[in-house]
C-alpha atoms as a PDB file:
ATOM      1  CA  UNK A   1       3.656 133.664  80.816  1.00  0.00           C
ATOM      2  CA  UNK A   2       2.458 129.853  80.286  1.00  0.00           C
ATOM      3  CA  UNK A   3      -0.449 128.701  82.952  1.00  0.00           C
ATOM      4  CA  UNK A   4       0.026 125.175  84.287  1.00  0.00           C
ATOM      5  CA  UNK A   5      -3.007 123.191  83.226  1.00  0.00           C
ATOM      6  CA  UNK A   6      -5.367 121.807  86.314  1.00  0.00           C
ATOM      7  CA  UNK A   7      -5.204 118.346  86.157  1.00  0.00           C
ATOM      8  CA  UNK A   8      -8.912 116.589  86.685  1.00  0.00           C
ATOM      9  CA  UNK A   9      -7.247 113.838  88.984  1.00  0.00           C
ATOM     10  CA  UNK A  10      -5.536 116.513  91.159  1.00  0.00           C
ATOM     11  CA  UNK A  11      -8.947 117.977  91.708  1.00  0.00           C
ATOM     12  CA  UNK A  12     -10.331 115.160  92.743  1.00  0.00           C
ATOM     13  CA  UNK A  13      -7.622 114.244  95.141  1.00  0.00           C
ATOM     14  CA  UNK A  14      -7.934 117.364  96.426  1.00  0.00           C
ATOM     15  CA  UNK A  15     -11.507 116.917  97.167  1.00  0.00           C
ATOM     16  CA  UNK A  16     -11.184 113.567  98.564  1.00  0.00           C
ATOM     17  CA  UNK A  17      -8.722 115.263 101.232  1.00  0.00           C
ATOM     18  CA  UNK A  18     -11.053 117.875 101.909  1.00  0.00           C
ATOM     19  CA  UNK A  19     -14.008 114.993 102.629  1.00  0.00           C
ATOM     20  CA  UNK A  20     -11.483 112.976 104.536  1.00  0.00           C
ATOM     21  CA  UNK A  21     -10.954 116.327 106.656  1.00  0.00           C
ATOM     22  CA  UNK A  22     -14.776 117.356 107.365  1.00  0.00           C
ATOM     23  CA  UNK A  23     -15.299 113.714 108.273  1.00  0.00           C
ATOM     24  CA  UNK A  24     -12.667 113.699 110.627  1.00  0.00           C
ATOM     25  CA  UNK A  25     -13.729 117.388 112.111  1.00  0.00           C
ATOM     26  CA  UNK A  26     -16.882 115.700 112.309  1.00  0.00           C
ATOM     27  CA  UNK A  27     -18.536 119.287 112.710  1.00  0.00           C
ATOM     28  CA  UNK A  28     -20.146 121.067 110.082  1.00  0.00           C
ATOM     29  CA  UNK A  29     -20.342 124.281 111.551  1.00  0.00           C
ATOM     30  CA  UNK A  30     -16.308 124.338 111.417  1.00  0.00           C
ATOM     31  CA  UNK A  31     -15.656 122.495 108.078  1.00  0.00           C
ATOM     32  CA  UNK A  32     -18.485 121.527 105.611  1.00  0.00           C
ATOM     33  CA  UNK A  33     -18.054 118.410 103.084  1.00  0.00           C
ATOM     34  CA  UNK A  34     -17.507 119.070  99.373  1.00  0.00           C
ATOM     35  CA  UNK A  35     -21.059 117.422  98.818  1.00  0.00           C
ATOM     36  CA  UNK A  36     -23.021 120.030 101.077  1.00  0.00           C
ATOM     37  CA  UNK A  37     -21.494 122.882  99.804  1.00  0.00           C
ATOM     38  CA  UNK A  38     -22.111 121.979  96.165  1.00  0.00           C
ATOM     39  CA  UNK A  39     -25.798 121.046  97.140  1.00  0.00           C
ATOM     40  CA  UNK A  40     -26.045 124.633  99.100  1.00  0.00           C
ATOM     41  CA  UNK A  41     -24.616 126.359  95.682  1.00  0.00           C
ATOM     42  CA  UNK A  42     -27.110 124.600  94.125  1.00  0.00           C
ATOM     43  CA  UNK A  43     -29.844 125.989  96.281  1.00  0.00           C
ATOM     44  CA  UNK A  44     -28.175 129.484  95.747  1.00  0.00           C
ATOM     45  CA  UNK A  45     -28.338 128.865  91.799  1.00  0.00           C
ATOM     46  CA  UNK A  46     -32.018 128.615  92.194  1.00  0.00           C
ATOM     47  CA  UNK A  47     -32.814 131.779  94.163  1.00  0.00           C
ATOM     48  CA  UNK A  48     -33.773 135.086  91.980  1.00  0.00           C
ATOM     49  CA  UNK A  49     -31.208 137.505  93.715  1.00  0.00           C
ATOM     50  CA  UNK A  50     -28.397 135.296  92.810  1.00  0.00           C
ATOM     51  CA  UNK A  51     -28.002 136.577  89.283  1.00  0.00           C
ATOM     52  CA  UNK A  52     -28.129 139.870  90.288  1.00  0.00           C
ATOM     53  CA  UNK A  53     -25.579 139.846  93.478  1.00  0.00           C
ATOM     54  CA  UNK A  54     -23.101 138.020  91.468  1.00  0.00           C
ATOM     55  CA  UNK A  55     -23.996 140.648  88.504  1.00  0.00           C
ATOM     56  CA  UNK A  56     -23.565 143.565  90.786  1.00  0.00           C
ATOM     57  CA  UNK A  57     -20.089 142.621  92.295  1.00  0.00           C
ATOM     58  CA  UNK A  58     -19.153 141.187  88.873  1.00  0.00           C
ATOM     59  CA  UNK A  59     -19.955 144.687  86.837  1.00  0.00           C
ATOM     60  CA  UNK A  60     -17.890 147.038  89.810  1.00  0.00           C
ATOM     61  CA  UNK A  61     -15.020 144.294  89.417  1.00  0.00           C
ATOM     62  CA  UNK A  62     -14.892 144.497  85.999  1.00  0.00           C
ATOM     63  CA  UNK A  63     -15.356 148.154  85.644  1.00  0.00           C
ATOM     64  CA  UNK A  64     -12.282 148.899  87.971  1.00  0.00           C
ATOM     65  CA  UNK A  65     -10.174 146.453  86.076  1.00  0.00           C
ATOM     66  CA  UNK A  66     -11.173 148.394  82.911  1.00  0.00           C
ATOM     67  CA  UNK A  67     -10.599 151.650  84.522  1.00  0.00           C
ATOM     68  CA  UNK A  68      -7.011 150.243  85.654  1.00  0.00           C
ATOM     69  CA  UNK A  69      -5.849 148.949  82.560  1.00  0.00           C
ATOM     70  CA  UNK A  70      -6.660 152.174  80.251  1.00  0.00           C
ATOM     71  CA  UNK A  71      -4.880 154.351  83.180  1.00  0.00           C
ATOM     72  CA  UNK A  72      -1.939 152.062  83.321  1.00  0.00           C
ATOM     73  CA  UNK A  73      -1.182 151.675  79.162  1.00  0.00           C
ATOM     74  CA  UNK A  74      -1.838 155.701  79.106  1.00  0.00           C
ATOM     75  CA  UNK A  75       0.527 156.282  81.933  1.00  0.00           C
ATOM     76  CA  UNK A  76       3.193 154.181  80.783  1.00  0.00           C
ATOM     77  CA  UNK A  77       2.839 155.434  77.470  1.00  0.00           C
ATOM     78  CA  UNK A  78       3.599 158.915  79.365  1.00  0.00           C
ATOM     79  CA  UNK A  79       6.377 157.545  81.441  1.00  0.00           C
ATOM     80  CA  UNK A  80       7.909 156.053  78.267  1.00  0.00           C
ATOM     81  CA  UNK A  81       7.598 159.742  76.868  1.00  0.00           C
ATOM     82  CA  UNK A  82       9.625 161.701  79.326  1.00  0.00           C
ATOM     83  CA  UNK A  83      11.762 160.737  81.893  1.00  0.00           C
ATOM     84  CA  UNK A  84      10.782 163.082  84.651  1.00  0.00           C
ATOM     85  CA  UNK A  85       7.125 161.435  84.083  1.00  0.00           C
ATOM     86  CA  UNK A  86       8.511 157.748  85.168  1.00  0.00           C
ATOM     87  CA  UNK A  87      10.214 159.344  88.194  1.00  0.00           C
ATOM     88  CA  UNK A  88       7.284 161.234  89.356  1.00  0.00           C
ATOM     89  CA  UNK A  89       5.035 157.923  89.171  1.00  0.00           C
ATOM     90  CA  UNK A  90       7.852 155.602  90.826  1.00  0.00           C
ATOM     91  CA  UNK A  91       6.684 156.896  94.466  1.00  0.00           C
ATOM     92  CA  UNK A  92       2.972 156.482  93.818  1.00  0.00           C
ATOM     93  CA  UNK A  93       3.245 153.171  91.863  1.00  0.00           C
ATOM     94  CA  UNK A  94       5.438 152.014  94.788  1.00  0.00           C
ATOM     95  CA  UNK A  95       3.286 153.103  97.605  1.00  0.00           C
ATOM     96  CA  UNK A  96       0.018 151.585  95.822  1.00  0.00           C
ATOM     97  CA  UNK A  97       1.945 148.442  95.376  1.00  0.00           C
ATOM     98  CA  UNK A  98       3.373 148.296  99.275  1.00  0.00           C
ATOM     99  CA  UNK A  99       0.434 149.889 101.268  1.00  0.00           C
ATOM    100  CA  UNK A 100      -2.187 146.488 102.579  1.00  0.00           C
ATOM    101  CA  UNK A 101      -5.139 146.550 100.744  1.00  0.00           C
ATOM    102  CA  UNK A 102      -6.698 146.898 104.319  1.00  0.00           C
ATOM    103  CA  UNK A 103      -5.646 150.300 104.878  1.00  0.00           C
ATOM    104  CA  UNK A 104      -6.663 151.634 101.603  1.00  0.00           C
ATOM    105  CA  UNK A 105     -10.800 150.494 102.354  1.00  0.00           C
ATOM    106  CA  UNK A 106     -10.433 151.628 105.512  1.00  0.00           C
ATOM    107  CA  UNK A 107      -9.544 155.119 104.086  1.00  0.00           C
ATOM    108  CA  UNK A 108     -11.654 154.809 100.925  1.00  0.00           C
ATOM    109  CA  UNK A 109     -14.925 154.175 103.335  1.00  0.00           C
ATOM    110  CA  UNK A 110     -14.044 157.654 104.619  1.00  0.00           C
ATOM    111  CA  UNK A 111     -14.754 159.271 101.337  1.00  0.00           C
ATOM    112  CA  UNK A 112     -16.616 157.338  99.306  1.00  0.00           C
ATOM    113  CA  UNK A 113     -19.857 155.138  99.925  1.00  0.00           C
ATOM    114  CA  UNK A 114     -19.818 151.276 100.309  1.00  0.00           C
ATOM    115  CA  UNK A 115     -21.221 151.244  96.263  1.00  0.00           C
ATOM    116  CA  UNK A 116     -17.758 152.475  94.962  1.00  0.00           C
ATOM    117  CA  UNK A 117     -15.440 150.821  97.341  1.00  0.00           C
ATOM    118  CA  UNK A 118     -14.991 147.780  95.145  1.00  0.00           C
ATOM    119  CA  UNK A 119     -14.376 149.331  92.172  1.00  0.00           C
ATOM    120  CA  UNK A 120     -11.627 152.036  93.415  1.00  0.00           C
ATOM    121  CA  UNK A 121      -9.762 148.975  94.973  1.00  0.00           C
ATOM    122  CA  UNK A 122      -9.846 146.515  92.166  1.00  0.00           C
ATOM    123  CA  UNK A 123      -8.599 149.949  90.346  1.00  0.00           C
ATOM    124  CA  UNK A 124      -5.737 150.822  92.750  1.00  0.00           C
ATOM    125  CA  UNK A 125      -4.816 147.044  92.846  1.00  0.00           C
ATOM    126  CA  UNK A 126      -4.219 146.432  89.003  1.00  0.00           C
ATOM    127  CA  UNK A 127      -3.021 149.872  88.333  1.00  0.00           C
ATOM    128  CA  UNK A 128       0.826 149.277  89.192  1.00  0.00           C
ATOM    129  CA  UNK A 129       0.479 146.132  87.793  1.00  0.00           C
ATOM    130  CA  UNK A 130      -0.617 146.903  84.376  1.00  0.00           C
ATOM    131  CA  UNK A 131       1.326 150.185  84.374  1.00  0.00           C
ATOM    132  CA  UNK A 132       4.635 148.205  85.200  1.00  0.00           C
ATOM    133  CA  UNK A 133       4.007 145.318  82.534  1.00  0.00           C
ATOM    134  CA  UNK A 134       3.218 147.918  79.547  1.00  0.00           C
ATOM    135  CA  UNK A 135       6.189 150.278  80.482  1.00  0.00           C
ATOM    136  CA  UNK A 136       8.637 147.358  81.075  1.00  0.00           C
ATOM    137  CA  UNK A 137       7.244 146.099  77.158  1.00  0.00           C
ATOM    138  CA  UNK A 138       7.754 149.953  75.668  1.00  0.00           C
ATOM    139  CA  UNK A 139      11.344 150.055  77.518  1.00  0.00           C
ATOM    140  CA  UNK A 140      12.045 146.895  75.894  1.00  0.00           C
ATOM    141  CA  UNK A 141      11.827 147.531  72.171  1.00  0.00           C
ATOM    142  CA  UNK A 142      14.878 147.131  70.157  1.00  0.00           C
ATOM    143  CA  UNK A 143      16.601 151.053  69.872  1.00  0.00           C
ATOM    144  CA  UNK A 144      17.625 150.034  66.394  1.00  0.00           C
ATOM    145  CA  UNK A 145      14.677 149.481  64.868  1.00  0.00           C
ATOM    146  CA  UNK A 146      12.684 152.922  66.378  1.00  0.00           C
ATOM    147  CA  UNK A 147      16.149 154.721  65.201  1.00  0.00           C
ATOM    148  CA  UNK A 148      15.483 153.126  62.020  1.00  0.00           C
ATOM    149  CA  UNK A 149      11.930 154.210  61.807  1.00  0.00           C
ATOM    150  CA  UNK A 150      12.843 157.668  62.664  1.00  0.00           C
ATOM    151  CA  UNK A 151      15.222 158.210  60.265  1.00  0.00           C
ATOM    152  CA  UNK A 152      13.094 156.620  57.364  1.00  0.00           C
ATOM    153  CA  UNK A 153      10.344 158.724  58.812  1.00  0.00           C
ATOM    154  CA  UNK A 154       7.613 156.113  59.483  1.00  0.00           C
ATOM    155  CA  UNK A 155       4.275 157.612  60.447  1.00  0.00           C
ATOM    156  CA  UNK A 156       3.403 157.034  64.159  1.00  0.00           C
ATOM    157  CA  UNK A 157       0.596 154.990  64.194  1.00  0.00           C
ATOM    158  CA  UNK A 158       2.510 152.277  61.766  1.00  0.00           C
ATOM    159  CA  UNK A 159       5.430 152.514  64.530  1.00  0.00           C
ATOM    160  CA  UNK A 160       2.188 151.695  66.981  1.00  0.00           C
ATOM    161  CA  UNK A 161       1.305 148.734  65.335  1.00  0.00           C
ATOM    162  CA  UNK A 162       4.493 146.784  63.551  1.00  0.00           C
ATOM    163  CA  UNK A 163       7.183 148.220  66.334  1.00  0.00           C
ATOM    164  CA  UNK A 164       5.677 149.111  69.653  1.00  0.00           C
ATOM    165  CA  UNK A 165       2.262 146.538  70.148  1.00  0.00           C
ATOM    166  CA  UNK A 166       4.067 143.157  69.311  1.00  0.00           C
ATOM    167  CA  UNK A 167       6.525 143.782  71.628  1.00  0.00           C
ATOM    168  CA  UNK A 168       4.528 145.312  74.463  1.00  0.00           C
ATOM    169  CA  UNK A 169       1.885 142.645  73.621  1.00  0.00           C
ATOM    170  CA  UNK A 170       3.351 139.711  75.312  1.00  0.00           C
ATOM    171  CA  UNK A 171       4.556 141.971  78.530  1.00  0.00           C
ATOM    172  CA  UNK A 172       0.693 143.267  78.703  1.00  0.00           C
ATOM    173  CA  UNK A 173      -1.161 139.664  78.634  1.00  0.00           C
ATOM    174  CA  UNK A 174       1.470 138.544  81.484  1.00  0.00           C
ATOM    175  CA  UNK A 175       0.376 141.679  83.629  1.00  0.00           C
ATOM    176  CA  UNK A 176      -3.303 140.982  83.036  1.00  0.00           C
ATOM    177  CA  UNK A 177      -2.887 137.312  84.167  1.00  0.00           C
ATOM    178  CA  UNK A 178      -1.832 138.307  87.564  1.00  0.00           C
ATOM    179  CA  UNK A 179      -3.852 141.226  87.840  1.00  0.00           C
ATOM    180  CA  UNK A 180      -7.290 139.349  87.362  1.00  0.00           C
ATOM    181  CA  UNK A 181      -6.844 137.308  90.128  1.00  0.00           C
ATOM    182  CA  UNK A 182      -5.546 140.372  92.234  1.00  0.00           C
ATOM    183  CA  UNK A 183      -8.886 142.471  91.078  1.00  0.00           C
ATOM    184  CA  UNK A 184     -11.272 140.104  92.279  1.00  0.00           C
ATOM    185  CA  UNK A 185      -9.255 139.020  95.467  1.00  0.00           C
ATOM    186  CA  UNK A 186      -9.082 143.043  96.874  1.00  0.00           C
ATOM    187  CA  UNK A 187     -12.718 143.657  95.209  1.00  0.00           C
ATOM    188  CA  UNK A 188     -14.516 140.479  97.295  1.00  0.00           C
ATOM    189  CA  UNK A 189     -12.272 141.870 100.499  1.00  0.00           C
ATOM    190  CA  UNK A 190     -13.371 145.063  99.707  1.00  0.00           C
ATOM    191  CA  UNK A 191     -16.984 144.462  99.829  1.00  0.00           C
ATOM    192  CA  UNK A 192     -16.776 142.097 103.039  1.00  0.00           C
ATOM    193  CA  UNK A 193     -15.792 145.392 104.629  1.00  0.00           C
ATOM    194  CA  UNK A 194     -17.861 148.062 102.958  1.00  0.00           C
ATOM    195  CA  UNK A 195     -20.967 145.193 102.615  1.00  0.00           C
ATOM    196  CA  UNK A 196     -22.559 147.228 100.082  1.00  0.00           C
ATOM    197  CA  UNK A 197     -26.215 145.895  99.681  1.00  0.00           C
ATOM    198  CA  UNK A 198     -26.398 143.239  96.906  1.00  0.00           C
ATOM    199  CA  UNK A 199     -23.135 141.741  96.716  1.00  0.00           C
ATOM    200  CA  UNK A 200     -21.308 138.674  97.765  1.00  0.00           C
ATOM    201  CA  UNK A 201     -18.991 140.219 100.134  1.00  0.00           C
ATOM    202  CA  UNK A 202     -21.979 141.058 101.752  1.00  0.00           C
ATOM    203  CA  UNK A 203     -23.536 137.549 101.605  1.00  0.00           C
ATOM    204  CA  UNK A 204     -19.983 136.427 103.168  1.00  0.00           C
ATOM    205  CA  UNK A 205     -19.942 138.635 106.206  1.00  0.00           C
ATOM    206  CA  UNK A 206     -23.698 137.470 106.582  1.00  0.00           C
ATOM    207  CA  UNK A 207     -22.659 133.731 106.634  1.00  0.00           C
ATOM    208  CA  UNK A 208     -19.664 134.661 109.070  1.00  0.00           C
ATOM    209  CA  UNK A 209     -21.568 136.674 111.257  1.00  0.00           C
ATOM    210  CA  UNK A 210     -24.798 133.283 111.614  1.00  0.00           C
ATOM    211  CA  UNK A 211     -21.893 130.942 111.419  1.00  0.00           C
ATOM    212  CA  UNK A 212     -23.360 129.502 108.002  1.00  0.00           C
ATOM    213  CA  UNK A 213     -20.452 127.240 107.128  1.00  0.00           C
ATOM    214  CA  UNK A 214     -22.642 125.840 103.954  1.00  0.00           C
ATOM    215  CA  UNK A 215     -23.125 129.301 102.576  1.00  0.00           C
ATOM    216  CA  UNK A 216     -19.435 130.534 103.311  1.00  0.00           C
ATOM    217  CA  UNK A 217     -17.833 128.272 101.253  1.00  0.00           C
ATOM    218  CA  UNK A 218     -20.870 128.254  98.579  1.00  0.00           C
ATOM    219  CA  UNK A 219     -20.329 131.408  97.936  1.00  0.00           C
ATOM    220  CA  UNK A 220     -16.418 131.140  97.782  1.00  0.00           C
ATOM    221  CA  UNK A 221     -17.141 128.659  95.366  1.00  0.00           C
ATOM    222  CA  UNK A 222     -19.022 131.033  93.352  1.00  0.00           C
ATOM    223  CA  UNK A 223     -16.263 133.395  93.604  1.00  0.00           C
ATOM    224  CA  UNK A 224     -13.636 131.147  92.192  1.00  0.00           C
ATOM    225  CA  UNK A 225     -15.851 129.981  89.385  1.00  0.00           C
ATOM    226  CA  UNK A 226     -16.980 133.538  88.476  1.00  0.00           C
ATOM    227  CA  UNK A 227     -13.007 134.768  88.447  1.00  0.00           C
ATOM    228  CA  UNK A 228     -12.199 131.964  86.045  1.00  0.00           C
ATOM    229  CA  UNK A 229     -15.011 132.810  83.833  1.00  0.00           C
ATOM    230  CA  UNK A 230     -13.806 136.319  83.938  1.00  0.00           C
ATOM    231  CA  UNK A 231     -10.026 135.761  83.719  1.00  0.00           C
ATOM    232  CA  UNK A 232     -10.501 133.144  80.410  1.00  0.00           C
ATOM    233  CA  UNK A 233     -12.657 135.312  78.740  1.00  0.00           C
ATOM    234  CA  UNK A 234     -10.304 138.591  79.277  1.00  0.00           C
ATOM    235  CA  UNK A 235      -7.236 136.339  78.438  1.00  0.00           C
ATOM    236  CA  UNK A 236      -9.041 134.633  75.268  1.00  0.00           C
ATOM    237  CA  UNK A 237      -9.962 138.454  73.745  1.00  0.00           C
ATOM    238  CA  UNK A 238      -5.928 139.106  74.338  1.00  0.00           C
ATOM    239  CA  UNK A 239      -4.743 136.333  72.619  1.00  0.00           C
ATOM    240  CA  UNK A 240      -7.330 137.052  69.580  1.00  0.00           C
ATOM    241  CA  UNK A 241      -6.035 140.807  69.596  1.00  0.00           C
ATOM    242  CA  UNK A 242      -2.432 139.579  69.852  1.00  0.00           C
ATOM    243  CA  UNK A 243      -2.823 137.373  66.718  1.00  0.00           C
ATOM    244  CA  UNK A 244      -4.631 140.233  64.686  1.00  0.00           C
ATOM    245  CA  UNK A 245      -1.428 142.850  65.747  1.00  0.00           C
ATOM    246  CA  UNK A 246       0.874 140.097  64.456  1.00  0.00           C
ATOM    247  CA  UNK A 247      -0.933 140.161  60.972  1.00  0.00           C
ATOM    248  CA  UNK A 248      -1.202 143.668  60.301  1.00  0.00           C
END
């Protein structure tokens, strides 16, 4: 999957539109200007608790993403091995994909503390995407090559590295690209509802309660920046892994 690069002129254009809209509204409580948002962001960065808040949310969403990725790969491998496992998992994955995030959050709050909520919600939103992508990649492997490997008794590890991984990696990377953004959206939404102490979601909820539009926009900008850095880092590692696999 190729990503459309963000052009600086397009960013500046939309910032100008934002600024004009803020001036037209004329009330900061309704729509704060870009400059005021950046000013508040600069103030937040200087606060001692800022980086702890970012680390809190990042660690939990990253944990949910990693657990979902490992589980999705394992379940996809099992589903490709036995058809009955695929049929068994199909309704579960369909349910997770179609049930609204808010429903999962409300039900999860009955069973779990708010501290674990974002981990679970990120896990649930990422799992079906990774599972579907990896399974599609495995099933797309050439039957002829697999049969040839079986005839010549190619060792299992060699089959995985020479046949499966090169075919699956593009599907896996594409799935991760979609899942990364979704993990942040769902994870922060879970924090806004559950309000665990020291999270970005708690700060967003406080900004909403006190009608602090500057904080609301500033923390939203923090989420965008951190999620983009997280996504770029993960995709960079995946590309490096894919290059290494192709060299084996």
